[in-house]
Amino acid sequence: MKRLKSRLLLRLEGQIAASKNFAASSCLKAQRALVLARHGHMAEAREQLTELHQLAFQHPHPEVGAWLHFAEGLMSYYTDFSVAAHEKIAHAYAIAKSANLAQLQALSAAWLAQIAYVQHQQVEMVAFAQACDAAAAPDDHAARYRLCTVMGLAHLYAGQEPGARGWFAKARVHAQADGDDAAISALMYNMAEMRTAQARRDSLLSQFSASAVANSGLLLGADSVSHFDAVVGGSVMPDLTPVLRAQILTVEGDFAQARSLFEAHLPQAMAAGLSRLGSSLLADLAWCRVNTGQAEQGLRQAQEAELELDPHCDVDDRAITYSRLAQIYAALGDTANAERHAKSAAAEWAEFASQQAAWGQALAAAGMQPR
């Protein structure tokens, strides 16, 4: 595997070498393992965490135990986004709070806010974001980076792009101060994904043409993420960026290239935790097939996309799925199914607008500012 060039990793290794205390050294080693995991070096991270578990069993210490719970939670999150992540990080947060471990308390709260956002638990997200803001020191860059990222994503979901950009800009400041290249990569991806999601929605709602999208620089943003990860030495989910690129190409109308990328990377991305978003991506692939002479396969893929609709997936992904299916059936001459899916799409878009308004109100009531 390519050698990881991470400034944060180098700093942690220096601190570990200088540490003479078992607990402090072990906590730093848990953080080092997480840096490896966040860059996709999962096997190495697992080996280091297993060694720490063995040492902690022989020399139990509350701070080390809390960091190990937190580390295992993030390993679950980055492996398959499972509910186990929440349970382990919540356990770490409880220990950190009771033992007055301010750094881990703030970081765990930020991650619980992240998980609540992913699960669209609006009240919980705001509560944990406020808890992190209260616990994190001004120079606690790791916790404040995560907090700013979550708040940026929440503002984005609420349709408040200017507010999102402010939070993302502050997140970048913290990531750079921490030397956290994985965080910078994630921010680059989030910004590219943000613009792509909007273009995808707009294209389905017919607000501009494919040629306008082609000149918007979306591909450059996605390619920048890949180039950065290649220089640093790894990504936790390397299939995400090619799938993002495929979405852009689909919106631009380059169906052959998009289909090729979907076929090569979508199965692994779904296996790695994106299955709840799979319906809209499968619908995109079906649309690509229909537009590249694979009508029969496109129809089967469209039927699969409908079956894969997950009640837990984002409302806008359901709206995108139904909108794309309506396009597909219209192109195939099946008017009845096209109208059925168009009606479902309209209902989902209305629900999405309602959710955006509710999130906007919750964020305004929270009154938090980037810092």
Protein backbone atom coordinates (compact mmCIF):
# COMPACT_ATOMS: atom_id res chain seq x y z
CA MET A 1 0.00 0.00 0.00
CA LYS A 2 1.19 3.52 -0.79
CA ARG A 3 2.92 5.27 2.11
CA LEU A 4 0.60 7.70 3.85
CA LYS A 5 1.78 11.33 3.76
CA SER A 6 -0.25 12.85 6.57
CA ARG A 7 0.90 15.82 8.61
CA LEU A 8 -1.42 14.78 11.45
CA LEU A 9 0.02 11.26 11.41
CA LEU A 10 3.57 12.58 11.64
CA ARG A 11 2.65 14.79 14.58
CA LEU A 12 0.95 11.95 16.45
CA GLU A 13 3.93 9.65 15.89
CA GLY A 14 6.21 12.33 17.34
CA GLN A 15 3.97 12.71 20.38
CA ILE A 16 3.83 8.94 20.87
CA ALA A 17 7.62 8.69 20.73
CA ALA A 18 7.96 11.46 23.32
CA SER A 19 5.28 10.12 25.67
CA LYS A 20 6.42 8.33 28.83
CA ASN A 21 2.93 7.68 30.18
CA PHE A 22 1.04 4.48 29.31
CA ALA A 23 -2.43 6.06 29.23
CA ALA A 24 -1.38 9.13 27.24
CA SER A 25 0.63 7.02 24.80
CA SER A 26 -2.26 4.57 24.30
CA CYS A 27 -4.77 7.36 23.64
CA LEU A 28 -2.42 8.86 21.06
CA LYS A 29 -2.01 5.43 19.44
CA ALA A 30 -5.80 5.08 19.18
CA GLN A 31 -5.90 8.46 17.43
CA ARG A 32 -3.09 7.34 15.11
CA ALA A 33 -5.06 4.23 14.18
CA LEU A 34 -8.03 6.41 13.29
CA VAL A 35 -5.92 8.58 11.00
CA LEU A 36 -4.89 5.40 9.17
CA ALA A 37 -8.52 4.26 8.94
CA ARG A 38 -9.70 7.64 7.63
CA HIS A 39 -7.18 7.33 4.79
CA GLY A 40 -8.33 3.81 3.91
CA HIS A 41 -5.52 1.88 5.63
CA MET A 42 -8.10 -0.23 7.47
CA ALA A 43 -6.03 -3.41 7.98
CA GLU A 44 -3.18 -1.49 9.59
CA ALA A 45 -5.61 0.45 11.76
CA ARG A 46 -7.31 -2.76 12.91
CA GLU A 47 -3.96 -4.34 13.78
CA GLN A 48 -2.98 -1.36 15.93
CA LEU A 49 -6.35 -1.22 17.70
CA THR A 50 -6.24 -4.96 18.45
CA GLU A 51 -2.83 -4.49 20.06
CA LEU A 52 -4.21 -1.62 22.15
CA HIS A 53 -7.17 -3.74 23.28
CA GLN A 54 -4.77 -6.41 24.49
CA LEU A 55 -2.70 -3.87 26.43
CA ALA A 56 -5.82 -2.23 27.88
CA PHE A 57 -7.04 -5.63 29.08
CA GLN A 58 -3.82 -6.07 31.04
CA HIS A 59 -3.67 -2.44 32.24
CA PRO A 60 -7.24 -1.09 32.41
CA HIS A 61 -7.62 2.69 32.36
CA PRO A 62 -10.85 4.68 31.89
CA GLU A 63 -9.38 7.17 29.40
CA VAL A 64 -7.86 4.43 27.26
CA GLY A 65 -11.14 2.49 27.38
CA ALA A 66 -13.09 5.55 26.30
CA TRP A 67 -10.78 6.21 23.35
CA LEU A 68 -11.03 2.57 22.30
CA HIS A 69 -14.84 2.73 22.35
CA PHE A 70 -14.65 5.88 20.24
CA ALA A 71 -12.15 4.33 17.83
CA GLU A 72 -14.28 1.23 17.38
CA GLY A 73 -17.30 3.43 16.74
CA LEU A 74 -15.51 5.24 13.94
CA MET A 75 -14.25 1.96 12.51
CA SER A 76 -17.88 0.83 12.30
CA TYR A 77 -18.90 4.14 10.74
CA TYR A 78 -16.26 4.02 8.06
CA THR A 79 -16.78 0.32 7.37
CA ASP A 80 -20.53 0.18 6.79
CA PHE A 81 -22.17 3.19 8.53
CA SER A 82 -23.88 0.72 10.90
CA VAL A 83 -25.88 1.55 14.04
CA ALA A 84 -23.02 0.03 16.04
CA ALA A 85 -21.12 3.26 15.39
CA HIS A 86 -23.67 5.26 17.38
CA GLU A 87 -23.67 2.83 20.30
CA LYS A 88 -19.89 2.80 20.67
CA ILE A 89 -19.41 6.55 20.27
CA ALA A 90 -22.28 7.21 22.70
CA HIS A 91 -20.51 4.94 25.22
CA ALA A 92 -17.27 6.88 24.71
CA TYR A 93 -19.16 10.16 25.17
CA ALA A 94 -20.72 8.97 28.42
CA ILE A 95 -17.35 7.87 29.85
CA ALA A 96 -15.64 11.07 28.71
CA LYS A 97 -18.36 13.19 30.28
CA SER A 98 -18.27 11.38 33.61
CA ALA A 99 -14.45 11.32 33.72
CA ASN A 100 -14.14 14.96 32.61
CA LEU A 101 -12.17 14.11 29.46
CA ALA A 102 -12.91 17.37 27.66
CA GLN A 103 -11.17 16.57 24.36
CA LEU A 104 -12.90 13.24 23.86
CA GLN A 105 -16.20 14.60 25.18
CA ALA A 106 -16.21 17.34 22.55
CA LEU A 107 -15.09 15.05 19.73
CA SER A 108 -17.63 12.35 20.62
CA ALA A 109 -20.42 14.94 20.78
CA ALA A 110 -19.43 16.22 17.34
CA TRP A 111 -19.56 12.71 15.90
CA LEU A 112 -22.92 11.99 17.56
CA ALA A 113 -24.17 15.16 15.85
CA GLN A 114 -22.79 13.80 12.56
CA ILE A 115 -24.60 10.48 12.99
CA ALA A 116 -27.83 12.26 14.00
CA TYR A 117 -27.56 14.36 10.83
CA VAL A 118 -27.10 11.25 8.67
CA GLN A 119 -30.18 9.72 10.31
CA HIS A 120 -32.10 13.04 9.92
CA GLN A 121 -32.64 13.33 13.66
CA GLN A 122 -32.93 17.08 13.75
CA VAL A 123 -33.38 17.63 17.52
CA GLU A 124 -30.54 15.27 18.46
CA MET A 125 -28.19 16.81 15.90
CA VAL A 126 -28.69 20.32 17.26
CA ALA A 127 -28.35 19.13 20.87
CA PHE A 128 -25.06 17.32 20.28
CA ALA A 129 -23.73 20.18 18.14
CA GLN A 130 -24.41 22.58 21.01
CA ALA A 131 -22.81 20.14 23.47
CA CYS A 132 -19.69 20.00 21.33
CA ASP A 133 -19.59 23.79 20.98
CA ALA A 134 -19.79 24.13 24.77
CA ALA A 135 -17.10 21.51 25.50
CA ALA A 136 -14.54 22.20 22.74
CA ALA A 137 -11.70 24.62 23.33
CA PRO A 138 -11.18 27.25 20.61
CA ASP A 139 -8.07 25.40 19.43
CA ASP A 140 -9.63 21.93 19.61
CA HIS A 141 -9.35 21.67 15.85
CA ALA A 142 -10.47 18.04 15.53
CA ALA A 143 -13.76 18.57 17.36
CA ARG A 144 -14.42 21.98 15.81
CA TYR A 145 -13.65 20.70 12.30
CA ARG A 146 -16.24 17.93 12.74
CA LEU A 147 -18.76 20.34 14.28
CA CYS A 148 -18.33 22.85 11.43
CA THR A 149 -18.66 20.08 8.86
CA VAL A 150 -21.90 18.79 10.38
CA MET A 151 -23.37 22.27 10.59
CA GLY A 152 -22.33 22.93 7.00
CA LEU A 153 -24.08 19.78 5.84
CA ALA A 154 -27.18 20.66 7.87
CA HIS A 155 -27.37 24.15 6.36
CA LEU A 156 -26.91 22.60 2.95
CA TYR A 157 -29.79 20.18 3.54
CA ALA A 158 -31.89 23.16 4.62
CA GLY A 159 -31.18 24.80 1.26
CA GLN A 160 -29.05 27.51 2.88
CA GLU A 161 -25.96 27.35 0.70
CA PRO A 162 -24.39 30.67 1.85
CA GLY A 163 -24.59 29.49 5.47
CA ALA A 164 -23.17 26.11 4.51
CA ARG A 165 -20.21 27.73 2.79
CA GLY A 166 -19.43 29.74 5.92
CA TRP A 167 -19.34 26.62 8.07
CA PHE A 168 -17.30 24.69 5.49
CA ALA A 169 -14.80 27.57 5.25
CA LYS A 170 -14.28 27.49 9.02
CA ALA A 171 -13.99 23.70 8.92
CA ARG A 172 -11.16 24.06 6.41
CA VAL A 173 -9.35 26.47 8.76
CA HIS A 174 -9.49 23.91 11.58
CA ALA A 175 -8.46 21.01 9.31
CA GLN A 176 -5.46 22.94 8.01
CA ALA A 177 -4.44 23.99 11.52
CA ASP A 178 -4.61 20.33 12.60
CA GLY A 179 -2.67 19.09 9.56
CA ASP A 180 -5.59 16.74 8.94
CA ASP A 181 -5.36 15.83 5.27
CA ALA A 182 -8.22 13.32 5.52
CA ALA A 183 -10.44 16.15 6.74
CA ILE A 184 -9.36 18.39 3.87
CA SER A 185 -10.12 15.60 1.40
CA ALA A 186 -13.57 15.09 2.96
CA LEU A 187 -14.27 18.81 2.70
CA MET A 188 -13.26 18.84 -0.96
CA TYR A 189 -15.58 15.89 -1.54
CA ASN A 190 -18.45 17.54 0.38
CA MET A 191 -18.15 20.72 -1.67
CA ALA A 192 -18.06 18.77 -4.95
CA GLU A 193 -20.96 16.57 -3.82
CA MET A 194 -22.93 19.65 -2.73
CA ARG A 195 -22.68 21.25 -6.16
CA THR A 196 -23.40 17.95 -7.92
CA ALA A 197 -26.50 17.24 -5.81
CA GLN A 198 -27.88 20.68 -6.65
CA ALA A 199 -27.15 20.22 -10.37
CA ARG A 200 -28.79 16.79 -10.24
CA ARG A 201 -31.92 18.21 -8.62
CA ASP A 202 -32.04 21.17 -10.98
CA SER A 203 -31.61 18.99 -14.07
CA LEU A 204 -34.49 16.75 -13.03
CA LEU A 205 -36.63 19.79 -12.32
CA SER A 206 -35.61 21.16 -15.75
CA GLN A 207 -34.12 24.40 -14.45
CA PHE A 208 -31.22 24.38 -16.89
CA SER A 209 -29.77 22.40 -19.75
CA ALA A 210 -27.06 19.74 -19.80
CA SER A 211 -24.76 22.13 -21.66
CA ALA A 212 -24.95 24.57 -18.73
CA VAL A 213 -23.93 21.77 -16.37
CA ALA A 214 -21.06 20.77 -18.65
CA ASN A 215 -19.57 24.25 -18.28
CA SER A 216 -19.99 24.44 -14.50
CA GLY A 217 -16.67 22.88 -13.46
CA LEU A 218 -18.27 19.99 -11.58
CA LEU A 219 -15.89 17.42 -13.06
CA LEU A 220 -12.91 19.52 -12.06
CA GLY A 221 -14.10 19.47 -8.45
CA ALA A 222 -14.50 15.69 -8.42
CA ASP A 223 -11.13 15.16 -10.11
CA SER A 224 -9.43 17.44 -7.56
CA VAL A 225 -10.53 15.08 -4.78
CA SER A 226 -9.01 12.08 -6.57
CA HIS A 227 -5.75 13.92 -7.24
CA PHE A 228 -5.46 15.06 -3.61
CA ASP A 229 -6.11 11.55 -2.25
CA ALA A 230 -3.51 10.12 -4.64
CA VAL A 231 -0.87 12.58 -3.40
CA VAL A 232 -1.64 12.02 0.30
CA GLY A 233 -1.77 8.26 -0.02
CA GLY A 234 -5.29 6.91 0.38
CA SER A 235 -9.01 7.41 0.90
CA VAL A 236 -11.39 5.62 3.25
CA MET A 237 -13.91 5.03 0.42
CA PRO A 238 -12.09 5.28 -2.91
CA ASP A 239 -15.21 4.34 -4.92
CA LEU A 240 -17.14 7.41 -3.78
CA THR A 241 -15.42 9.91 -6.06
CA PRO A 242 -15.79 7.83 -9.26
CA VAL A 243 -19.50 7.39 -8.43
CA LEU A 244 -19.76 11.16 -7.95
CA ARG A 245 -18.07 11.63 -11.32
CA ALA A 246 -20.62 9.23 -12.87
CA GLN A 247 -23.48 11.33 -11.47
CA ILE A 248 -21.98 14.46 -13.03
CA LEU A 249 -21.54 12.75 -16.39
CA THR A 250 -25.14 11.54 -16.26
CA VAL A 251 -26.40 15.08 -15.73
CA GLU A 252 -24.11 16.30 -18.53
CA GLY A 253 -25.48 13.65 -20.89
CA ASP A 254 -22.25 11.67 -21.32
CA PHE A 255 -24.09 8.42 -20.72
CA ALA A 256 -21.43 6.01 -22.02
CA GLN A 257 -18.72 7.24 -19.68
CA ALA A 258 -21.15 7.48 -16.77
CA ARG A 259 -22.36 3.92 -17.34
CA SER A 260 -18.80 2.62 -17.36
CA LEU A 261 -18.00 4.31 -14.04
CA PHE A 262 -21.22 3.13 -12.41
CA GLU A 263 -20.56 -0.45 -13.50
CA ALA A 264 -17.00 -0.36 -12.18
CA HIS A 265 -17.59 1.38 -8.82
CA LEU A 266 -21.26 1.35 -7.78
CA PRO A 267 -21.38 -2.27 -6.47
CA GLN A 268 -18.44 -1.69 -4.11
CA ALA A 269 -19.75 1.70 -2.99
CA MET A 270 -23.13 0.16 -2.13
CA ALA A 271 -21.47 -2.76 -0.33
CA ALA A 272 -19.42 -0.27 1.70
CA GLY A 273 -22.44 1.51 3.12
CA LEU A 274 -24.25 3.45 0.39
CA SER A 275 -27.02 0.90 -0.11
CA ARG A 276 -29.62 3.28 1.39
CA LEU A 277 -28.79 5.71 -1.45
CA GLY A 278 -28.65 2.94 -4.03
CA SER A 279 -32.08 3.50 -5.57
CA SER A 280 -31.26 6.88 -7.12
CA LEU A 281 -27.84 5.70 -8.32
CA LEU A 282 -29.34 2.57 -9.87
CA ALA A 283 -31.95 4.76 -11.54
CA ASP A 284 -29.15 6.90 -12.96
CA LEU A 285 -27.45 3.77 -14.29
CA ALA A 286 -30.75 2.61 -15.81
CA TRP A 287 -31.10 6.00 -17.54
CA CYS A 288 -27.57 5.63 -18.90
CA ARG A 289 -28.42 2.18 -20.25
CA VAL A 290 -31.57 3.42 -21.97
CA ASN A 291 -29.53 6.19 -23.61
CA THR A 292 -26.76 3.85 -24.79
CA GLY A 293 -28.86 1.27 -26.58
CA GLN A 294 -29.49 -1.08 -23.64
CA ALA A 295 -33.23 -0.59 -23.33
CA GLU A 296 -33.99 -4.06 -21.95
CA GLN A 297 -31.23 -3.89 -19.35
CA GLY A 298 -32.28 -0.34 -18.55
CA LEU A 299 -35.82 -1.49 -17.85
CA ARG A 300 -34.60 -4.27 -15.54
CA GLN A 301 -32.28 -1.81 -13.77
CA ALA A 302 -35.19 0.63 -13.35
CA GLN A 303 -37.29 -2.12 -11.79
CA GLU A 304 -34.39 -2.93 -9.46
CA ALA A 305 -34.06 0.74 -8.50
CA GLU A 306 -37.73 0.83 -7.51
CA LEU A 307 -37.32 -2.30 -5.40
CA GLU A 308 -34.25 -0.79 -3.71
CA LEU A 309 -36.13 2.31 -2.51
CA ASP A 310 -35.25 2.44 1.18
CA PRO A 311 -37.73 4.09 3.58
CA HIS A 312 -34.69 5.39 5.52
CA CYS A 313 -33.04 7.07 2.55
CA ASP A 314 -33.08 10.84 2.13
CA VAL A 315 -36.30 12.36 0.79
CA ASP A 316 -34.44 14.07 -2.06
CA ASP A 317 -32.93 10.72 -3.09
CA ARG A 318 -36.44 9.24 -3.23
CA ALA A 319 -37.57 12.24 -5.29
CA ILE A 320 -34.59 11.83 -7.62
CA THR A 321 -35.32 8.11 -8.00
CA TYR A 322 -38.97 8.65 -8.93
CA SER A 323 -38.10 11.54 -11.27
CA ARG A 324 -35.49 9.46 -13.06
CA LEU A 325 -37.85 6.47 -13.29
CA ALA A 326 -40.51 8.73 -14.83
CA GLN A 327 -37.94 9.79 -17.45
CA ILE A 328 -36.98 6.20 -18.17
CA TYR A 329 -40.53 4.91 -18.63
CA ALA A 330 -41.42 7.92 -20.78
CA ALA A 331 -38.42 7.19 -23.00
CA LEU A 332 -39.51 3.55 -23.24
CA GLY A 333 -43.05 4.55 -24.20
CA ASP A 334 -44.69 3.29 -21.00
CA THR A 335 -46.93 6.26 -20.28
CA ALA A 336 -48.80 4.71 -17.35
CA ASN A 337 -45.65 3.96 -15.36
CA ALA A 338 -44.12 7.30 -16.32
CA GLU A 339 -47.15 9.13 -14.93
CA ARG A 340 -47.21 6.95 -11.80
CA HIS A 341 -43.59 7.77 -10.98
CA ALA A 342 -43.99 11.45 -11.86
CA LYS A 343 -46.84 11.67 -9.34
CA SER A 344 -44.67 10.00 -6.66
CA ALA A 345 -41.80 12.34 -7.51
CA ALA A 346 -43.98 15.42 -7.08
CA ALA A 347 -45.06 14.22 -3.62
CA GLU A 348 -41.46 13.57 -2.58
CA TRP A 349 -40.24 16.95 -3.86
CA ALA A 350 -43.00 18.62 -1.82
CA GLU A 351 -41.93 16.66 1.26
CA PHE A 352 -38.31 17.64 0.63
CA ALA A 353 -39.27 21.33 0.55
CA SER A 354 -41.16 20.87 3.82
CA GLN A 355 -38.17 19.18 5.46
CA GLN A 356 -35.84 21.91 4.24
CA ALA A 357 -38.06 24.53 5.87
CA ALA A 358 -38.14 22.59 9.15
CA TRP A 359 -34.36 22.21 9.20
CA GLY A 360 -33.94 25.90 8.44
CA GLN A 361 -36.15 26.82 11.40
CA ALA A 362 -34.27 24.46 13.73
CA LEU A 363 -30.89 25.88 12.69
CA ALA A 364 -32.10 29.45 13.10
CA ALA A 365 -33.43 28.63 16.59
CA ALA A 366 -30.08 27.05 17.55
CA GLY A 367 -28.37 30.35 16.75
CA MET A 368 -24.92 28.81 16.32
CA GLN A 369 -22.14 30.56 14.42
CA PRO A 370 -18.92 29.14 12.88
CA ARG A 371 -15.90 29.53 15.16
